[in-house]
């Protein structure tokens, strides 16, 4: 249900396609680790802040974007973060990736055994 809530945060339910992936991802930052998060100058409240658009307008980059940029610089290919979409709970998670490819350490490939996805 988290995927449906993420894809349809505003207005009525829209057509949505769910895709499963085969993944071998080695460097994922886990935002559930409060100590690791604090070491990056972040906390759960900053991740949940709905003011990121205002921050972008005011300074050109939201605090969460600066955080992601630091993680990219440290070699992370993504992060595991709680979903803040309406109706989600604390254990509803998103995997946010900014780097992936055809081989480890950031392998990601859609599972389409029956050839249902168009190429």
Protein backbone atom coordinates (compact mmCIF):
# COMPACT_ATOMS: atom_id res chain seq x y z
CA UNK A 1 0.00 0.00 0.00
CA UNK A 2 2.91 2.39 0.54
CA UNK A 3 3.61 2.47 -3.21
CA UNK A 4 -0.02 3.33 -3.97
CA UNK A 5 -0.02 6.10 -1.35
CA UNK A 6 3.28 7.51 -2.65
CA UNK A 7 2.11 7.55 -6.28
CA UNK A 8 -1.25 9.13 -5.46
CA UNK A 9 -0.61 11.73 -2.76
CA UNK A 10 -2.88 14.38 -4.23
CA UNK A 11 -6.41 14.07 -5.54
CA UNK A 12 -8.11 10.90 -6.74
CA UNK A 13 -6.50 7.53 -7.29
CA UNK A 14 -4.84 7.53 -10.72
CA UNK A 15 -3.78 4.54 -12.85
CA UNK A 16 -0.59 3.14 -11.33
CA UNK A 17 1.82 0.45 -12.51
CA UNK A 18 3.74 -1.55 -9.91
CA UNK A 19 7.02 -3.16 -10.96
CA UNK A 20 9.15 -5.62 -8.99
CA UNK A 21 12.94 -5.37 -9.18
CA UNK A 22 15.89 -7.66 -8.67
CA UNK A 23 18.50 -5.68 -6.77
CA UNK A 24 22.02 -6.00 -5.40
CA UNK A 25 22.66 -2.66 -3.70
CA UNK A 26 25.61 -2.30 -1.35
CA UNK A 27 25.73 1.32 -0.17
CA UNK A 28 22.30 2.28 1.18
CA UNK A 29 22.05 4.87 3.95
CA UNK A 30 19.46 3.83 6.55
CA UNK A 31 17.70 6.91 7.91
CA UNK A 32 16.13 4.81 10.69
CA UNK A 33 19.56 4.89 12.39
CA UNK A 34 19.28 8.09 14.46
CA UNK A 35 23.01 8.14 15.25
CA UNK A 36 24.02 7.88 11.59
CA UNK A 37 21.43 10.50 10.70
CA UNK A 38 22.75 12.88 13.36
CA UNK A 39 26.30 12.39 12.10
CA UNK A 40 25.08 13.84 8.79
CA UNK A 41 23.43 16.82 10.52
CA UNK A 42 19.92 15.48 9.96
CA UNK A 43 17.08 14.19 12.10
CA UNK A 44 13.66 12.64 11.55
CA UNK A 45 11.90 16.01 11.79
CA UNK A 46 14.07 17.45 9.01
CA UNK A 47 13.29 14.45 6.80
CA UNK A 48 9.56 14.90 7.43
CA UNK A 49 9.53 18.67 6.86
CA UNK A 50 6.92 19.62 4.30
CA UNK A 51 8.65 22.97 3.76
CA UNK A 52 11.28 21.61 1.35
CA UNK A 53 9.74 23.52 -1.59
CA UNK A 54 9.95 26.77 0.38
CA UNK A 55 13.58 25.99 1.27
CA UNK A 56 14.36 25.48 -2.43
CA UNK A 57 12.79 28.81 -3.34
CA UNK A 58 14.61 30.63 -0.55
CA UNK A 59 18.10 29.16 -0.89
CA UNK A 60 18.13 27.14 -4.12
CA UNK A 61 18.40 23.80 -2.33
CA UNK A 62 16.39 22.13 0.42
CA UNK A 63 18.14 20.75 3.48
CA UNK A 64 17.19 17.22 2.40
CA UNK A 65 18.73 17.83 -1.03
CA UNK A 66 22.00 18.95 0.58
CA UNK A 67 21.87 15.79 2.70
CA UNK A 68 21.42 13.63 -0.41
CA UNK A 69 24.29 15.44 -2.15
CA UNK A 70 26.59 14.65 0.81
CA UNK A 71 25.56 10.97 0.70
CA UNK A 72 26.21 10.80 -3.04
CA UNK A 73 29.65 12.30 -2.43
CA UNK A 74 30.29 9.62 0.21
CA UNK A 75 29.52 6.86 -2.32
CA UNK A 76 25.97 5.91 -1.34
CA UNK A 77 23.69 4.81 -4.18
CA UNK A 78 20.53 5.56 -2.20
CA UNK A 79 18.78 5.73 1.11
CA UNK A 80 16.06 3.94 3.02
CA UNK A 81 13.59 6.45 4.41
CA UNK A 82 10.19 6.44 6.02
CA UNK A 83 7.27 7.36 3.77
CA UNK A 84 5.59 10.61 4.73
CA UNK A 85 2.68 10.23 2.30
CA UNK A 86 -0.75 10.72 3.90
CA UNK A 87 -2.01 7.55 5.58
CA UNK A 88 1.39 5.89 6.00
CA UNK A 89 2.83 4.57 9.25
CA UNK A 90 6.32 4.71 10.69
CA UNK A 91 7.15 1.26 9.27
CA UNK A 92 6.16 2.22 5.68
CA UNK A 93 9.48 2.69 3.90
CA UNK A 94 10.80 3.99 0.59
CA UNK A 95 14.05 3.09 -1.08
CA UNK A 96 15.27 6.24 -2.83
CA UNK A 97 17.97 5.54 -5.42
CA UNK A 98 20.06 8.06 -7.29
CA UNK A 99 22.57 5.64 -8.77
CA UNK A 100 21.99 2.19 -10.27
CA UNK A 101 23.25 0.05 -13.11
CA UNK A 102 23.68 -3.42 -14.56
CA UNK A 103 26.19 -4.71 -12.01
CA UNK A 104 26.92 -4.54 -8.27
CA UNK A 105 27.42 -2.48 -6.16
CA UNK A 106 24.28 -0.83 -7.52
CA UNK A 107 22.57 -3.52 -9.62
CA UNK A 108 18.88 -2.96 -10.37
CA UNK A 109 16.78 -4.71 -13.00
CA UNK A 110 13.01 -5.00 -13.42
CA UNK A 111 11.57 -8.50 -13.03
CA UNK A 112 9.55 -9.22 -16.16
CA UNK A 113 9.64 -13.00 -16.59
CA UNK A 114 6.50 -12.92 -18.75
CA UNK A 115 7.54 -9.99 -20.97
CA UNK A 116 4.70 -7.72 -19.90
CA UNK A 117 6.75 -4.52 -19.92
CA UNK A 118 7.29 -2.86 -23.29
CA UNK A 119 10.87 -2.08 -24.16
